[in-house]
Protein backbone atom coordinates (compact mmCIF):
# COMPACT_ATOMS: atom_id res chain seq x y z
CA MET A 1 -31.76 -9.66 -1.49
CA SER A 2 -35.45 -10.46 -0.17
CA ALA A 3 -38.33 -10.28 -2.42
CA ASN A 4 -39.69 -7.58 -0.38
CA LYS A 5 -37.85 -4.29 -1.91
CA LYS A 6 -36.82 -1.59 0.86
CA LYS A 7 -38.66 1.83 -0.44
CA ILE A 8 -36.25 4.36 -1.08
CA LEU A 9 -36.34 8.50 -1.41
CA VAL A 10 -34.75 9.89 -4.29
CA PHE A 11 -34.56 13.85 -4.38
CA SER A 12 -32.80 16.68 -6.08
CA HIS A 13 -33.24 20.18 -6.60
CA ASP A 14 -30.33 21.39 -9.26
CA PRO A 15 -29.84 20.66 -12.80
CA GLY A 16 -26.51 19.02 -12.13
CA GLY A 17 -27.95 17.10 -8.96
CA ALA A 18 -30.67 15.61 -10.97
CA LYS A 19 -28.97 14.61 -13.55
CA VAL A 20 -26.31 12.83 -11.66
CA VAL A 21 -29.41 10.82 -9.30
CA THR A 22 -31.31 10.23 -12.56
CA ALA A 23 -28.66 8.40 -13.90
CA CYS A 24 -28.34 5.77 -10.87
CA LEU A 25 -32.66 5.03 -11.27
CA ASP A 26 -31.79 2.26 -13.60
CA GLU A 27 -29.59 0.27 -11.29
CA LEU A 28 -31.13 1.24 -7.98
CA SER A 29 -34.54 -0.23 -9.31
CA ASN A 30 -33.29 -3.52 -9.44
CA ASN A 31 -32.65 -3.52 -5.58
CA PHE A 32 -35.07 -0.87 -4.10
CA ILE A 33 -38.35 0.56 -5.04
CA ILE A 34 -37.77 3.99 -6.01
CA GLU A 35 -40.31 7.34 -5.10
CA LEU A 36 -38.65 9.89 -7.19
CA TYR A 37 -38.97 13.43 -5.87
CA GLY A 38 -37.53 16.79 -6.78
CA LYS A 39 -37.81 20.71 -6.60
CA SER A 40 -37.56 24.07 -9.32
CA PHE A 41 -35.03 22.82 -11.78
CA ALA A 42 -34.62 19.36 -11.24
CA LEU A 43 -38.26 18.61 -12.23
CA LYS A 44 -37.72 20.09 -15.81
CA ILE A 45 -34.94 17.57 -15.96
CA TYR A 46 -37.46 14.90 -14.99
CA GLN A 47 -39.67 15.82 -17.55
CA GLN A 48 -36.95 16.14 -20.55
CA GLN A 49 -36.15 12.59 -19.56
CA GLY A 50 -39.68 11.35 -19.62
CA LEU A 51 -39.37 10.37 -15.99
CA LYS A 52 -42.54 10.54 -13.52
CA ALA A 53 -41.81 12.50 -10.82
CA THR A 54 -43.48 14.38 -7.80
CA ASP A 55 -42.80 17.99 -6.50
CA ILE A 56 -41.73 17.81 -2.83
CA ASP A 57 -43.45 21.21 -2.32
CA THR A 58 -46.60 19.33 -3.24
CA GLU A 59 -46.40 17.32 -0.29
CA LEU A 60 -45.20 19.66 2.26
CA THR A 61 -47.33 21.95 4.85
CA SER A 62 -43.86 24.07 5.60
CA PHE A 63 -40.67 24.27 4.57
CA ASN A 64 -38.53 23.26 7.78
CA GLU A 65 -37.22 19.88 9.22
CA PRO A 66 -40.15 19.15 11.42
CA ALA A 67 -42.43 19.01 8.35
CA ILE A 68 -39.92 17.09 6.41
CA SER A 69 -39.41 14.58 9.55
CA LYS A 70 -43.46 14.08 9.47
CA PHE A 71 -43.00 13.42 5.53
CA LEU A 72 -40.54 10.95 5.66
CA LEU A 73 -42.36 8.62 8.55
CA ASN A 74 -45.52 9.08 6.77
CA LYS A 75 -44.18 7.54 3.84
CA ALA A 76 -42.08 4.84 5.77
CA PHE A 77 -38.58 5.39 3.62
CA ASP A 78 -36.07 2.86 4.22
CA PHE A 79 -33.32 4.94 2.94
CA ILE A 80 -32.77 8.39 1.56
CA VAL A 81 -30.54 9.56 -1.49
CA THR A 82 -30.40 13.00 -2.65
CA SER A 83 -27.93 15.44 -4.45
CA THR A 84 -26.68 18.43 -3.04
CA SER A 85 -27.47 22.39 -3.84
CA ALA A 86 -25.55 25.80 -2.72
CA ALA A 87 -28.46 28.24 -2.25
CA ASP A 88 -31.33 25.80 -1.56
CA PHE A 89 -31.58 23.95 1.39
CA THR A 90 -34.25 21.01 0.67
CA GLU A 91 -31.63 18.66 1.02
CA ARG A 92 -29.86 19.80 4.14
CA PHE A 93 -33.26 19.85 5.91
CA ILE A 94 -33.92 16.06 4.57
CA TRP A 95 -30.68 15.04 6.02
CA GLN A 96 -31.65 16.43 9.23
CA ALA A 97 -35.00 14.84 9.35
CA ALA A 98 -33.54 11.49 8.08
CA GLN A 99 -30.98 11.21 10.93
CA LYS A 100 -33.66 12.67 13.38
CA ASN A 101 -35.54 9.65 12.45
CA ASN A 102 -32.83 6.64 12.22
CA ILE A 103 -33.37 6.54 8.10
CA PRO A 104 -30.01 6.27 6.69
CA CYS A 105 -29.08 8.97 4.09
CA ILE A 106 -26.47 9.75 1.23
CA ALA A 107 -25.83 12.64 -0.69
CA ILE A 108 -24.40 12.19 -4.34
CA LEU A 109 -21.67 15.29 -5.78
CA ASP A 110 -22.28 16.17 -9.49
CA GLN A 111 -18.97 18.16 -9.49
CA TRP A 112 -15.45 18.93 -8.60
CA MET A 113 -16.13 22.80 -7.10
CA ASN A 114 -17.97 24.66 -4.40
CA TYR A 115 -17.58 21.52 -1.98
CA SER A 116 -18.24 23.98 1.20
CA ALA A 117 -21.38 25.59 -0.32
CA ARG A 118 -23.40 22.52 -0.23
CA PHE A 119 -23.22 21.81 3.19
CA LEU A 120 -22.98 25.22 5.21
CA ALA A 121 -25.62 26.23 7.46
CA LEU A 122 -28.29 28.68 6.83
CA GLU A 123 -26.21 31.57 8.12
CA GLU A 124 -23.33 30.87 6.04
CA THR A 125 -24.70 30.31 2.34
CA THR A 126 -23.53 33.73 1.55
CA SER A 127 -19.77 33.25 2.15
CA PHE A 128 -17.69 30.69 0.51
CA ARG A 129 -14.65 30.13 2.75
CA PRO A 130 -13.40 27.25 3.13
CA SER A 131 -12.28 27.78 6.73
CA ILE A 132 -15.55 27.96 7.90
CA ILE A 133 -15.73 24.35 7.94
CA GLN A 134 -12.05 23.86 9.17
CA THR A 135 -12.51 26.64 12.23
CA ASN A 136 -16.07 25.41 13.34
CA LYS A 137 -17.98 22.13 12.36
CA ALA A 138 -21.25 23.15 13.81
CA HIS A 139 -21.18 25.55 10.73
CA ILE A 140 -22.07 22.32 8.08
CA ILE A 141 -24.72 20.01 7.95
CA LEU A 142 -24.11 16.57 6.30
CA PRO A 143 -25.65 13.16 5.36
CA ASP A 144 -24.47 9.87 6.55
CA ALA A 145 -22.16 9.72 3.85
CA ILE A 146 -21.37 11.70 0.45
CA MET A 147 -20.55 9.82 -2.39
CA VAL A 148 -17.88 11.71 -4.63
CA MET A 149 -16.14 11.56 -7.75
CA ASP A 150 -12.69 10.67 -7.45
CA GLN A 151 -9.81 11.01 -5.09
CA HIS A 152 -9.02 14.39 -6.14
CA ALA A 153 -12.39 15.21 -4.86
CA LYS A 154 -12.49 13.64 -1.67
CA GLU A 155 -8.46 15.09 -1.11
CA SER A 156 -9.92 18.64 -1.84
CA MET A 157 -12.94 18.32 0.70
CA CYS A 158 -10.70 16.73 3.35
CA LEU A 159 -8.55 20.42 2.84
CA GLU A 160 -11.33 22.20 3.32
CA GLY A 161 -12.11 20.39 6.69
CA PHE A 162 -14.75 17.76 5.71
CA PRO A 163 -14.29 14.40 7.99
CA ALA A 164 -12.71 11.88 5.56
CA GLU A 165 -14.97 8.87 7.16
CA LYS A 166 -18.17 10.41 5.54
CA ILE A 167 -16.89 10.66 1.74
CA ILE A 168 -17.19 7.72 -0.09
CA ILE A 169 -15.64 7.40 -3.71
CA THR A 170 -17.85 5.56 -6.03
CA GLY A 171 -17.35 7.82 -9.57
CA GLN A 172 -19.82 9.97 -11.19
CA PRO A 173 -22.60 8.50 -12.49
CA TYR A 174 -23.93 10.71 -14.90
CA PHE A 175 -20.69 11.14 -16.75
CA GLU A 176 -19.87 7.75 -16.83
CA GLN A 177 -23.46 7.11 -18.54
CA PHE A 178 -22.53 10.09 -20.85
CA ASN A 179 -19.14 8.54 -21.79
CA LEU A 180 -20.89 4.96 -22.59
CA GLN A 181 -23.45 6.59 -24.68
CA HIS A 182 -21.05 8.52 -26.70
CA LYS A 183 -18.94 5.28 -27.26
CA GLN A 184 -22.13 3.65 -28.31
CA ASN A 185 -22.89 6.57 -30.85
CA SER A 186 -19.49 7.18 -31.89
CA ASN A 187 -20.24 6.16 -35.29
CA LYS A 188 -23.53 7.93 -35.60
CA VAL A 189 -24.50 10.32 -38.00
CA TYR A 190 -25.62 13.66 -35.95
CA THR A 191 -28.26 15.56 -37.35
CA SER A 192 -30.54 17.89 -35.65
CA GLU A 193 -32.21 21.80 -36.96
CA VAL A 194 -29.52 23.64 -35.11
CA PRO A 195 -27.36 24.61 -38.19
CA ILE A 196 -30.42 25.84 -40.22
CA LYS A 197 -31.99 27.71 -37.24
CA TYR A 198 -29.29 29.50 -36.69
CA GLN A 199 -27.39 29.66 -40.04
CA LEU A 200 -24.44 28.26 -39.09
CA SER A 201 -23.18 27.54 -42.64
CA GLN A 202 -22.21 30.90 -43.05
CA TYR A 203 -19.63 31.02 -40.39
CA SER A 204 -16.23 29.52 -40.60
CA LYS A 205 -15.88 28.83 -36.98
CA VAL A 206 -18.92 28.23 -34.46
CA TRP A 207 -18.37 28.59 -30.71
CA LEU A 208 -20.68 27.39 -27.73
CA PHE A 209 -20.13 29.66 -24.38
CA ALA A 210 -21.77 27.70 -21.82
CA SER A 211 -22.96 30.17 -19.15
CA GLU A 212 -23.03 29.93 -15.25
CA PRO A 213 -25.69 32.02 -12.87
CA ILE A 214 -23.02 34.28 -11.17
CA THR A 215 -24.80 37.48 -11.49
CA THR A 216 -28.28 36.09 -11.43
CA ILE A 217 -27.61 34.64 -7.94
CA TYR A 218 -24.73 37.41 -5.99
CA GLY A 219 -25.71 40.16 -8.71
CA ASP A 220 -22.69 42.03 -10.29
CA GLN A 221 -20.72 43.10 -7.68
CA GLN A 222 -20.83 40.32 -5.27
CA GLY A 223 -20.25 38.06 -8.03
CA LYS A 224 -17.32 39.80 -9.03
CA ALA A 225 -16.02 39.97 -5.45
CA ILE A 226 -16.56 36.44 -5.07
CA TYR A 227 -15.09 35.33 -8.18
CA GLY A 228 -13.13 38.22 -9.55
CA TYR A 229 -15.46 38.17 -12.85
CA THR A 230 -19.06 37.32 -13.68
CA GLU A 231 -20.16 35.50 -16.60
CA LEU A 232 -20.78 38.88 -18.61
CA ILE A 233 -17.23 40.12 -18.15
CA ASN A 234 -15.93 36.75 -19.52
CA LEU A 235 -18.15 36.82 -22.21
CA THR A 236 -17.83 40.14 -23.19
CA ALA A 237 -13.97 39.71 -23.28
CA ILE A 238 -14.56 36.87 -25.98
CA CYS A 239 -16.95 38.91 -27.59
CA ASN A 240 -14.64 41.76 -28.29
CA PHE A 241 -11.86 39.55 -29.66
CA ILE A 242 -14.55 37.87 -32.17
CA GLN A 243 -15.40 41.39 -33.41
CA ASN A 244 -12.07 42.49 -33.73
CA SER A 245 -10.76 39.08 -35.13
CA GLU A 246 -9.71 39.43 -39.38
CA GLN A 247 -9.32 35.53 -39.48
CA GLY A 248 -13.01 34.49 -40.66
CA LYS A 249 -16.39 35.07 -39.60
CA ILE A 250 -17.09 33.36 -36.06
CA LYS A 251 -20.62 32.76 -34.39
CA LEU A 252 -20.84 32.64 -30.77
CA LEU A 253 -24.17 30.69 -29.08
CA ILE A 254 -24.58 31.47 -25.63
CA LYS A 255 -26.44 28.58 -23.68
CA PRO A 256 -27.72 30.06 -20.58
CA HIS A 257 -27.56 28.27 -17.37
CA PRO A 258 -30.89 26.82 -16.16
CA LYS A 259 -31.05 28.94 -13.65
CA GLU A 260 -30.55 32.19 -16.00
CA GLU A 261 -32.86 34.01 -17.89
CA SER A 262 -32.28 34.51 -21.62
CA SER A 263 -33.06 38.56 -20.87
CA ASN A 264 -29.33 38.64 -18.87
CA PHE A 265 -27.95 38.41 -22.55
CA ASN A 266 -30.10 41.45 -24.36
CA GLN A 267 -27.31 43.92 -24.06
CA LEU A 268 -25.06 41.96 -25.59
CA CYS A 269 -27.22 40.76 -28.20
CA HIS A 270 -27.43 44.31 -29.19
CA ARG A 271 -23.93 44.93 -29.18
CA PHE A 272 -22.32 42.13 -30.99
CA ASP A 273 -24.72 40.71 -34.32
CA PHE A 274 -22.57 37.23 -34.57
CA ILE A 275 -24.59 36.03 -30.97
CA SER A 276 -27.50 33.88 -30.30
CA VAL A 277 -28.78 32.92 -27.35
CA VAL A 278 -30.14 29.42 -27.35
CA ASP A 279 -32.01 28.25 -24.53
CA GLU A 280 -34.22 25.59 -25.89
CA GLU A 281 -31.89 23.40 -27.52
CA SER A 282 -30.06 20.26 -25.75
CA SER A 283 -26.56 21.09 -24.32
CA ILE A 284 -25.62 18.04 -26.74
CA ASP A 285 -27.15 19.12 -29.80
CA LEU A 286 -25.00 22.64 -29.64
CA ILE A 287 -21.72 20.56 -28.71
CA ASN A 288 -22.00 18.30 -31.44
CA HIS A 289 -22.49 21.38 -33.83
CA SER A 290 -19.87 23.40 -32.34
CA ASP A 291 -16.03 23.49 -33.34
CA ALA A 292 -15.32 24.85 -29.56
CA VAL A 293 -16.87 24.89 -26.12
CA LEU A 294 -15.76 27.75 -23.85
CA GLY A 295 -16.93 28.62 -20.63
CA MET A 296 -15.72 28.75 -17.09
CA SER A 297 -16.49 25.54 -14.72
CA SER A 298 -19.67 24.14 -16.21
CA SER A 299 -20.46 20.87 -16.54
CA VAL A 300 -20.91 21.65 -20.28
CA LEU A 301 -16.91 21.69 -20.73
CA LEU A 302 -16.54 18.33 -19.47
CA GLU A 303 -19.26 16.92 -21.67
CA ALA A 304 -17.75 18.71 -25.00
CA ALA A 305 -14.25 17.31 -23.53
CA ILE A 306 -15.61 13.54 -23.14
CA LEU A 307 -17.19 14.38 -26.89
CA GLY A 308 -13.47 15.28 -28.04
CA LYS A 309 -14.25 19.16 -28.73
CA ALA A 310 -11.96 21.77 -28.11
CA ILE A 311 -12.70 23.52 -24.61
CA LEU A 312 -11.62 26.45 -23.20
CA SER A 313 -12.04 27.76 -19.50
CA VAL A 314 -12.32 31.83 -19.09
CA GLN A 315 -11.98 33.39 -15.90
CA LEU A 316 -10.98 36.74 -16.22
CA ASN A 317 -9.00 38.23 -13.15
CA LEU A 318 -10.10 34.98 -11.17
CA ALA A 319 -10.41 35.71 -7.38
CA MET A 320 -10.40 32.23 -5.93
CA ALA A 321 -9.39 28.73 -5.99
CA ASP A 322 -10.06 27.65 -9.83
CA PRO A 323 -13.19 25.71 -9.77
CA PHE A 324 -12.35 24.08 -12.90
CA VAL A 325 -11.58 20.50 -12.44
CA LEU A 326 -9.28 20.02 -15.10
CA SER A 327 -7.36 23.05 -14.22
CA GLN A 328 -6.88 22.00 -10.81
CA ILE A 329 -5.28 18.53 -12.30
CA ASP A 330 -3.35 20.34 -14.81
CA LYS A 331 -4.69 19.00 -17.71
CA SER A 332 -6.26 22.49 -19.01
CA LYS A 333 -5.18 25.65 -18.16
CA SER A 334 -7.59 28.47 -17.20
CA VAL A 335 -7.42 31.59 -19.02
CA VAL A 336 -7.09 34.33 -16.20
CA ASN A 337 -5.65 37.58 -18.05
CA GLU A 338 -6.80 39.00 -21.74
CA ASN A 339 -3.36 39.03 -23.52
CA VAL A 340 -3.44 34.70 -22.65
CA LEU A 341 -7.11 34.93 -23.82
CA THR A 342 -6.35 36.58 -27.27
CA LEU A 343 -3.46 34.22 -27.54
CA ARG A 344 -5.72 30.66 -26.95
CA LEU A 345 -8.60 32.40 -28.98
CA THR A 346 -6.33 32.68 -32.05
CA GLU A 347 -5.06 29.27 -31.58
CA LEU A 348 -8.65 28.06 -31.45
CA ILE A 349 -9.40 30.07 -34.85
CA ALA A 350 -6.10 27.66 -36.32
CA ASP A 351 -6.98 24.72 -34.59
CA GLU A 352 -4.51 24.80 -32.59
CA LEU A 353 -5.60 25.22 -29.04
CA PRO A 354 -3.44 22.43 -27.19
CA PHE A 355 -5.62 21.54 -24.37
CA LYS A 356 -8.64 19.04 -26.26
CA ALA A 357 -9.69 15.40 -26.90
CA ASN A 358 -10.55 13.06 -24.22
CA ILE A 359 -8.57 14.76 -21.61
CA PHE A 360 -11.58 14.50 -18.95
CA SER A 361 -12.42 10.81 -19.94
CA GLU A 362 -9.08 9.78 -19.59
CA ASN A 363 -8.72 11.00 -15.90
CA PHE A 364 -11.63 10.23 -14.48
CA LEU A 365 -13.89 7.74 -16.42
CA GLN A 366 -12.44 4.60 -16.35
CA GLU A 367 -14.81 1.82 -17.09
CA ASN A 368 -14.31 -0.23 -13.97
CA LYS A 369 -15.42 2.54 -11.58
CA LYS A 370 -19.07 1.25 -12.34
CA ALA A 371 -20.68 4.23 -10.20
CA CYS A 372 -24.13 3.21 -10.01
CA ASN A 373 -23.27 -0.10 -8.81
CA ASN A 374 -20.81 1.10 -6.21
CA ILE A 375 -23.71 3.37 -4.93
CA SER A 376 -26.05 0.22 -4.86
CA HIS A 377 -23.69 -1.79 -3.39
CA TYR A 378 -23.03 1.04 -0.77
CA MET A 379 -26.77 1.19 0.30
CA LEU A 380 -27.47 -2.26 0.60
CA ARG A 381 -24.49 -2.93 3.11
CA GLN A 382 -26.08 -0.58 5.24
CA LEU A 383 -29.29 -1.98 5.16
CA ASN A 384 -27.42 -5.41 6.07
CA TYR A 385 -28.41 -6.70 2.50
């Protein structure tokens, strides 16, 4: 490569997107000059990682494609790398502006869910119907290429109507990095203040619930109409089981999604004395001090699977295609009714839950994937290096 490195914009908005783009920074810095930008939740992730970044809102005079075009041209970027978001439109405006000005751009997916929602045009963002893409390609906004985790993700997106030629299988940078770090630290004694702070030694079992912002984004009624449940419905069912259990004291730690306020769980905290909302601690700290991790389709469940913890996806009365990837590939079965929930939680207390250990890493994180390297090489090829 020439000594004159090309300059690239790296941008993200959502927490998961921030993790996946920052996982690529070391590899990309070998070949490119990086300017890291973010917005909202991503800025907090950058700060936690000690990264220097710029809030893109401070660079824009207005929030639309023409303003972003002006920004991109003034900065003279040679390539653009973004994550994807469902509700926020910054990435989509960036792709439109980049294509208008002949700047190559790619998006990196972070999860096996909500594919359509990440690319829908503005007027369609309240709907998650995959048929929208299948029936009218004008309803989507796409970058030049979409970097996806694996063949399963590509096939799922094609079924929703995405053009196969736009989808490049690279691997998932964040989970590959996370898996590697776990292997390197597997013999490390893990300590933190979590057990003392929440008096975990008093309990026979500690469960972590990884929440998702369904009611925050959609409200109770619309959220239930879309998913068949809300995070509070699933959480209440788990709490009812714990309260009625006679098999030892169980502590339930609730980890809010970065888009959620802790106050979302106030009523449950008043109702159940075994709950603690843990919004300051890292998910890794909490996973390591928990016996099991429960949730819906959160990436925290996948982190827990990599770390060898028992996991359980609880999606009572599920009304859409299962968004949890391990259920999609029949490696873990999501719980969709309360009778089965009782059975699974009883198994969990007895350490008999069948779906645990390295089910995620065995299927998605083969070391030869090298996602960051694949993404960097793709970019170099597009720039004729």
